[in-house]
Amino acid sequence: MTKAADSQRILVLTSSEIKLLLPMAECIELMSDALKDLSKGELIQPLRSIVRPPDADGVMAMMPAYRQGQRKAFGLKAICFFHGNPAFGKDAHQGCVLLSSGETGEPLAIMNASAITEIRTAAVTAVATRLLSRPDANDLAIVGSGLQARAHLVSISLVRSINRARVVSLNPDHSKQLAEEMSHQFPFPIEAMTQVDEALKDADLIVTATSARQPVLRREWIAAGAHVNGIGTYSVAAREIDGATMAASRIFVDRRESAINESGDYVLAEQEGLIGPGSIVGEIGEVLLGEKPGRTSPDEITLFKSLGLAVEDMACAEYLYEKAKSRNVGTWINF
């Protein structure tokens, strides 16, 4: 073996270390920059590859990305999704993010993917909410009661002055538990609801964070001027949002190619003849760059469909790698 090979070391970051190094407020700005870089063509990613064995209890997704220019880097998230995990106290998302040198291809770091996914997903929603919701929007409704529901309470409260939040879940006990656990963290009340339509009444900020296969959100429940964030589904066979809501909304996405190929919320509404290719107004990065208009009136419904992108994971990994080195956080192993 060569001396260079002997000296190769990889940084390993755990979930707790990632949460220490990547506060939500910092991740929001990081994701804003990443989405702009994507729309500028500085970041490259193919569509994710998903392995769905017929007898498996979950699926595995492979999500690669590459940064061009002076800061060349490769990123890869290998993530499994197991719907049943929350029942025994585990995140449904399990996996790792690998950061590799864009100059030599050497692996630089392996990081806990669950922690990165939890933070960056809610941070991207906050970017979209800050950009598309009415500046005076303050009534938040979250459909779902898992990790993402909790993360979104944090992220959206950083970009809008929330007066109250309502949470609703298929299991009312879960909504109640969330409200009890998190109420002390915020100056606004968090109410546990039992019916989705009641939770959404007059809400101007809405998040769907579920693993639903059929719509949990219907057009007649959504108030004029609301902003909707759909973040829970990533399969063309599943959706949280009904076609009527998609048709009535100005639709924005994290990445157009991902939405039309991977989003059941989009694909199923298109198959119903309710929307078409022109229904997507633009990517969030395009709006941030001033290339596409965002909200154009106080009464329109805006909708952000998030798929979650490999470039977001890579941007987090790059940031975490540099910050961990400067703070002397993490474990270095010979490789």
Protein backbone atom coordinates (compact mmCIF):
# COMPACT_ATOMS: atom_id res chain seq x y z
CA MET A 1 0.00 0.00 0.00
CA THR A 2 1.14 3.53 -0.69
CA LYS A 3 1.69 6.13 1.96
CA ALA A 4 -1.17 8.21 0.50
CA ALA A 5 -3.55 5.29 0.82
CA ASP A 6 -2.45 4.69 4.41
CA SER A 7 -3.22 8.30 5.31
CA GLN A 8 -6.79 8.42 3.98
CA ARG A 9 -9.29 9.26 6.71
CA ILE A 10 -13.08 9.63 6.73
CA LEU A 11 -15.19 11.79 9.00
CA VAL A 12 -18.18 10.08 10.63
CA LEU A 13 -20.99 12.26 11.99
CA THR A 14 -23.77 10.90 14.17
CA SER A 15 -27.32 12.15 14.43
CA SER A 16 -26.64 14.14 17.60
CA GLU A 17 -23.51 15.71 16.10
CA ILE A 18 -25.41 16.76 12.98
CA LYS A 19 -28.16 18.37 15.04
CA LEU A 20 -25.50 20.25 17.01
CA LEU A 21 -23.73 21.53 13.90
CA LEU A 22 -26.79 22.28 11.73
CA PRO A 23 -29.33 24.49 13.53
CA MET A 24 -32.54 25.02 11.61
CA ALA A 25 -31.97 28.75 11.06
CA GLU A 26 -28.60 28.08 9.43
CA CYS A 27 -30.00 25.25 7.32
CA ILE A 28 -32.77 27.50 5.95
CA GLU A 29 -30.19 29.87 4.46
CA LEU A 30 -28.07 26.94 3.28
CA MET A 31 -31.05 25.43 1.44
CA SER A 32 -31.92 28.77 -0.11
CA ASP A 33 -28.41 28.92 -1.60
CA ALA A 34 -28.54 25.27 -2.72
CA LEU A 35 -31.85 25.74 -4.56
CA LYS A 36 -30.47 28.82 -6.31
CA ASP A 37 -27.34 26.91 -7.30
CA LEU A 38 -29.51 24.10 -8.69
CA SER A 39 -31.55 26.46 -10.85
CA LYS A 40 -28.34 28.14 -12.04
CA GLY A 41 -27.05 24.77 -13.26
CA GLU A 42 -24.18 24.58 -10.79
CA LEU A 43 -25.53 21.39 -9.22
CA ILE A 44 -26.30 18.21 -11.13
CA GLN A 45 -28.47 15.28 -10.09
CA PRO A 46 -30.17 12.42 -11.92
CA LEU A 47 -33.53 11.17 -10.79
CA ARG A 48 -33.38 8.94 -7.73
CA SER A 49 -33.27 5.21 -8.18
CA ILE A 50 -35.65 3.26 -5.95
CA VAL A 51 -35.42 -0.45 -5.18
CA ARG A 52 -38.81 -1.97 -4.28
CA PRO A 53 -38.41 -5.72 -3.65
CA PRO A 54 -41.85 -7.39 -3.66
CA ASP A 55 -41.30 -9.13 -0.32
CA ALA A 56 -39.51 -6.31 1.51
CA ASP A 57 -41.05 -4.24 4.31
CA GLY A 58 -39.52 -1.05 2.90
CA VAL A 59 -37.72 0.51 -0.06
CA MET A 60 -34.23 1.85 -0.69
CA ALA A 61 -33.53 5.03 -2.66
CA MET A 62 -30.16 6.02 -4.14
CA MET A 63 -29.79 9.78 -4.55
CA PRO A 64 -26.54 11.02 -6.18
CA ALA A 65 -25.51 14.62 -6.88
CA TYR A 66 -22.52 16.58 -8.13
CA ARG A 67 -21.29 20.17 -7.67
CA GLN A 68 -19.51 21.78 -10.62
CA GLY A 69 -17.01 24.63 -10.58
CA GLN A 70 -14.26 25.41 -8.10
CA ARG A 71 -15.89 23.49 -5.23
CA LYS A 72 -16.22 20.15 -7.02
CA ALA A 73 -17.87 17.47 -4.93
CA PHE A 74 -19.91 14.30 -5.19
CA GLY A 75 -22.71 13.44 -2.82
CA LEU A 76 -24.76 10.28 -2.41
CA LYS A 77 -27.61 9.52 -0.06
CA ALA A 78 -28.54 5.88 0.37
CA ILE A 79 -31.81 5.92 2.29
CA CYS A 80 -34.31 3.24 3.26
CA PHE A 81 -37.93 4.09 4.02
CA PHE A 82 -39.86 1.76 6.32
CA HIS A 83 -43.44 2.88 7.03
CA GLY A 84 -43.70 0.75 10.15
CA ASN A 85 -40.67 2.15 11.98
CA PRO A 86 -42.48 4.86 13.97
CA ALA A 87 -44.57 2.18 15.68
CA PHE A 88 -41.49 1.07 17.58
CA GLY A 89 -39.81 4.42 18.05
CA LYS A 90 -37.60 4.63 14.97
CA ASP A 91 -37.51 7.19 12.16
CA ALA A 92 -39.06 5.88 8.95
CA HIS A 93 -35.93 7.14 7.13
CA GLN A 94 -32.72 5.17 7.74
CA GLY A 95 -29.46 5.54 5.85
CA CYS A 96 -26.31 7.55 5.28
CA VAL A 97 -25.01 10.46 3.24
CA LEU A 98 -21.62 10.01 1.62
CA LEU A 99 -19.52 13.05 0.64
CA SER A 100 -16.68 12.45 -1.82
CA SER A 101 -13.96 14.65 -3.24
CA GLY A 102 -14.69 16.08 -6.66
CA GLU A 103 -10.94 16.15 -7.39
CA THR A 104 -9.91 12.58 -6.55
CA GLY A 105 -13.16 10.74 -5.80
CA GLU A 106 -11.95 9.83 -2.31
CA PRO A 107 -14.72 9.49 0.27
CA LEU A 108 -14.49 12.34 2.78
CA ALA A 109 -17.37 11.75 5.17
CA ILE A 110 -20.23 9.44 6.13
CA MET A 111 -23.14 11.10 7.91
CA ASN A 112 -26.42 10.03 9.46
CA ALA A 113 -29.05 10.52 6.75
CA SER A 114 -32.06 10.56 9.08
CA ALA A 115 -30.82 13.68 10.87
CA ILE A 116 -29.92 15.49 7.65
CA THR A 117 -33.26 14.57 6.06
CA GLU A 118 -35.22 15.72 9.11
CA ILE A 119 -33.57 19.14 9.20
CA ARG A 120 -33.17 19.94 5.52
CA THR A 121 -36.70 18.92 4.55
CA ALA A 122 -38.23 21.35 7.04
CA ALA A 123 -35.67 24.01 6.10
CA VAL A 124 -36.61 23.79 2.41
CA THR A 125 -40.27 24.17 3.36
CA ALA A 126 -39.36 27.28 5.33
CA VAL A 127 -37.60 28.72 2.27
CA ALA A 128 -40.73 28.13 0.16
CA THR A 129 -43.04 29.45 2.89
CA ARG A 130 -41.02 32.63 3.32
CA LEU A 131 -41.07 33.12 -0.44
CA LEU A 132 -44.68 32.23 -1.29
CA SER A 133 -46.97 32.71 1.70
CA ARG A 134 -48.53 36.05 2.57
CA PRO A 135 -46.21 38.08 4.82
CA ASP A 136 -48.98 38.30 7.42
CA ALA A 137 -49.77 34.55 7.37
CA ASN A 138 -49.83 33.33 10.97
CA ASP A 139 -52.29 30.44 11.35
CA LEU A 140 -50.49 27.11 10.89
CA ALA A 141 -52.07 23.69 10.36
CA ILE A 142 -49.99 20.51 10.14
CA VAL A 143 -51.41 17.20 8.96
CA GLY A 144 -49.15 14.56 10.47
CA SER A 145 -47.55 14.00 13.84
CA GLY A 146 -44.13 12.47 13.21
CA LEU A 147 -40.59 13.85 13.07
CA GLN A 148 -41.36 16.09 10.12
CA ALA A 149 -44.40 17.60 11.85
CA ARG A 150 -42.14 18.50 14.76
CA ALA A 151 -39.37 19.86 12.53
CA HIS A 152 -41.86 21.97 10.57
CA LEU A 153 -43.18 23.62 13.71
CA VAL A 154 -39.64 24.81 14.29
CA SER A 155 -38.79 25.83 10.73
CA ILE A 156 -41.98 27.69 9.87
CA SER A 157 -41.97 29.58 13.16
CA LEU A 158 -38.57 30.96 12.10
CA VAL A 159 -39.96 32.58 8.93
CA ARG A 160 -43.49 33.61 9.99
CA SER A 161 -44.92 35.05 13.21
CA ILE A 162 -47.25 32.22 14.19
CA ASN A 163 -50.29 33.04 16.34
CA ARG A 164 -51.48 29.47 16.68
CA ALA A 165 -50.74 26.01 15.35
CA ARG A 166 -53.05 23.03 14.94
CA VAL A 167 -51.89 19.46 14.42
CA VAL A 168 -53.97 16.51 13.30
CA SER A 169 -53.14 12.85 12.74
CA LEU A 170 -54.88 9.62 11.83
CA ASN A 171 -54.15 8.63 15.40
CA PRO A 172 -55.52 11.37 17.70
CA ASP A 173 -53.23 10.22 20.51
CA HIS A 174 -50.22 11.07 18.40
CA SER A 175 -51.44 14.63 17.75
CA LYS A 176 -52.09 15.08 21.44
CA GLN A 177 -48.65 13.76 22.33
CA LEU A 178 -46.98 16.13 19.85
CA ALA A 179 -48.86 19.13 21.25
CA GLU A 180 -47.96 18.21 24.83
CA GLU A 181 -44.31 17.62 23.99
CA MET A 182 -43.72 20.82 22.03
CA SER A 183 -46.02 23.46 23.49
CA HIS A 184 -43.35 24.66 25.93
CA GLN A 185 -40.97 25.43 23.05
CA PHE A 186 -43.11 28.13 21.44
CA PRO A 187 -44.92 31.32 22.49
CA PHE A 188 -48.04 30.29 20.53
CA PRO A 189 -50.55 27.56 21.42
CA ILE A 190 -50.40 24.16 19.73
CA GLU A 191 -53.82 22.51 19.51
CA ALA A 192 -54.34 18.80 18.87
CA MET A 193 -57.29 18.24 16.52
CA THR A 194 -59.20 15.11 15.55
CA GLN A 195 -60.55 16.12 12.12
CA VAL A 196 -58.49 17.43 9.19
CA ASP A 197 -61.18 19.81 7.97
CA GLU A 198 -61.45 21.38 11.43
CA ALA A 199 -57.68 21.67 11.72
CA LEU A 200 -57.51 23.48 8.36
CA LYS A 201 -60.36 25.92 8.97
CA ASP A 202 -59.06 29.46 8.22
CA ALA A 203 -55.43 28.26 8.21
CA ASP A 204 -53.18 30.30 5.92
CA LEU A 205 -50.12 28.06 6.36
CA ILE A 206 -50.62 24.33 5.73
CA VAL A 207 -48.19 21.41 5.84
CA THR A 208 -48.98 17.81 4.89
CA ALA A 209 -46.35 15.52 6.41
CA THR A 210 -47.83 12.04 6.20
CA SER A 211 -47.19 8.66 4.61
CA ALA A 212 -50.70 8.65 3.13
CA ARG A 213 -51.47 6.85 -0.11
CA GLN A 214 -54.74 8.75 -0.70
CA PRO A 215 -55.42 12.50 -0.30
CA VAL A 216 -55.60 13.90 3.21
CA LEU A 217 -56.15 17.43 1.86
CA ARG A 218 -59.22 18.54 -0.09
CA ARG A 219 -59.89 21.77 -1.92
CA GLU A 220 -63.05 22.66 0.02
CA TRP A 221 -61.05 22.74 3.28
CA ILE A 222 -58.51 25.32 2.09
CA ALA A 223 -59.04 29.03 2.70
CA ALA A 224 -58.40 31.68 0.07
CA GLY A 225 -54.86 33.01 0.27
CA ALA A 226 -53.43 29.94 1.96
CA HIS A 227 -50.00 28.54 1.24
CA VAL A 228 -49.75 24.72 1.15
CA ASN A 229 -46.57 22.67 1.58
CA GLY A 230 -46.87 19.03 0.48
CA ILE A 231 -43.83 17.15 1.76
CA GLY A 232 -44.89 13.63 2.71
CA THR A 233 -45.01 11.59 -0.51
CA TYR A 234 -42.33 10.75 -3.07
CA SER A 235 -44.01 8.02 -5.16
CA VAL A 236 -46.11 8.36 -8.31
CA ALA A 237 -48.59 5.92 -6.73
CA ALA A 238 -49.28 7.99 -3.59
CA ARG A 239 -50.54 11.48 -2.89
CA GLU A 240 -51.56 13.67 0.03
CA ILE A 241 -53.26 16.42 -2.00
CA ASP A 242 -56.37 15.95 -4.14
CA GLY A 243 -56.48 16.91 -7.79
CA ALA A 244 -58.91 19.77 -7.21
CA THR A 245 -56.43 21.47 -4.88
CA MET A 246 -53.62 21.00 -7.38
CA ALA A 247 -55.78 22.52 -10.12
CA ALA A 248 -56.78 25.50 -7.97
CA SER A 249 -53.23 26.32 -6.88
CA ARG A 250 -50.19 28.07 -8.28
CA ILE A 251 -47.75 25.15 -8.10
CA PHE A 252 -44.07 25.46 -7.25
CA VAL A 253 -41.55 22.64 -6.90
CA ASP A 254 -38.02 22.03 -5.71
CA ARG A 255 -37.14 20.56 -9.12
CA ARG A 256 -39.39 20.32 -12.14
CA GLU A 257 -37.97 17.04 -13.49
CA SER A 258 -38.42 15.36 -10.13
CA ALA A 259 -42.00 16.55 -9.75
CA ILE A 260 -43.24 15.33 -13.13
CA ASN A 261 -41.52 11.94 -12.74
CA GLU A 262 -41.75 11.18 -9.01
CA SER A 263 -44.65 13.10 -7.46
CA GLY A 264 -47.98 11.31 -7.16
CA ASP A 265 -49.57 14.61 -6.17
CA TYR A 266 -48.63 15.94 -9.63
CA VAL A 267 -48.78 12.78 -11.77
CA LEU A 268 -52.18 11.55 -10.55
CA ALA A 269 -53.78 14.99 -10.96
CA GLU A 270 -52.34 15.14 -14.48
CA GLN A 271 -53.76 11.70 -15.28
CA GLU A 272 -57.15 13.00 -14.16
CA GLY A 273 -56.82 15.81 -16.71
CA LEU A 274 -56.86 18.50 -14.01
CA ILE A 275 -53.34 19.88 -14.56
CA GLY A 276 -50.67 19.74 -17.24
CA PRO A 277 -47.00 20.62 -17.86
CA GLY A 278 -47.78 24.34 -17.77
CA SER A 279 -49.31 24.07 -14.30
CA ILE A 280 -45.92 24.24 -12.60
CA VAL A 281 -45.12 27.94 -12.29
CA GLY A 282 -41.49 27.35 -11.44
CA GLU A 283 -38.83 25.94 -9.19
CA ILE A 284 -38.17 27.61 -5.85
CA GLY A 285 -34.65 28.39 -7.06
CA GLU A 286 -36.05 30.22 -10.08
CA VAL A 287 -38.26 32.35 -7.84
CA LEU A 288 -35.33 33.09 -5.54
CA LEU A 289 -33.30 34.22 -8.57
CA GLY A 290 -36.14 36.45 -9.79
CA GLU A 291 -36.62 34.37 -12.94
CA LYS A 292 -40.19 33.30 -12.09
CA PRO A 293 -42.92 35.19 -10.21
CA GLY A 294 -44.00 33.95 -6.79
CA ARG A 295 -47.27 34.94 -5.15
CA THR A 296 -49.15 37.47 -7.28
CA SER A 297 -52.22 38.22 -5.12
CA PRO A 298 -53.31 37.92 -1.48
CA ASP A 299 -56.21 35.56 -2.28
CA GLU A 300 -54.56 32.97 -4.51
CA ILE A 301 -53.57 29.56 -3.17
CA THR A 302 -49.88 28.79 -3.54
CA LEU A 303 -48.62 25.23 -3.27
CA PHE A 304 -45.08 23.94 -2.86
CA LYS A 305 -44.58 20.27 -3.70
CA SER A 306 -41.36 19.04 -2.13
CA LEU A 307 -39.75 15.78 -3.25
CA GLY A 308 -36.50 16.17 -1.34
CA LEU A 309 -33.37 16.43 -3.43
CA ALA A 310 -29.91 14.86 -3.41
CA VAL A 311 -28.38 18.32 -3.92
CA GLU A 312 -29.94 19.40 -0.62
CA ASP A 313 -28.33 16.47 1.18
CA MET A 314 -24.98 17.16 -0.50
CA ALA A 315 -25.09 20.86 0.42
CA CYS A 316 -25.72 19.88 4.04
CA ALA A 317 -22.87 17.36 3.94
CA GLU A 318 -20.44 19.94 2.52
CA TYR A 319 -21.42 22.46 5.21
CA LEU A 320 -21.25 19.89 8.00
CA TYR A 321 -17.85 18.62 6.83
CA GLU A 322 -16.23 22.04 7.00
CA LYS A 323 -17.93 23.00 10.26
CA ALA A 324 -17.06 19.69 11.92
CA LYS A 325 -13.40 20.18 11.02
CA SER A 326 -13.35 23.71 12.40
CA ARG A 327 -15.18 22.72 15.61
CA ASN A 328 -13.34 19.42 16.06
CA VAL A 329 -16.62 17.49 16.14
CA GLY A 330 -17.07 13.94 14.88
CA THR A 331 -14.93 10.83 14.60
CA TRP A 332 -12.16 10.32 12.07
CA ILE A 333 -11.46 6.75 10.95
CA ASN A 334 -8.73 5.32 8.76
CA PHE A 335 -10.10 3.94 5.51
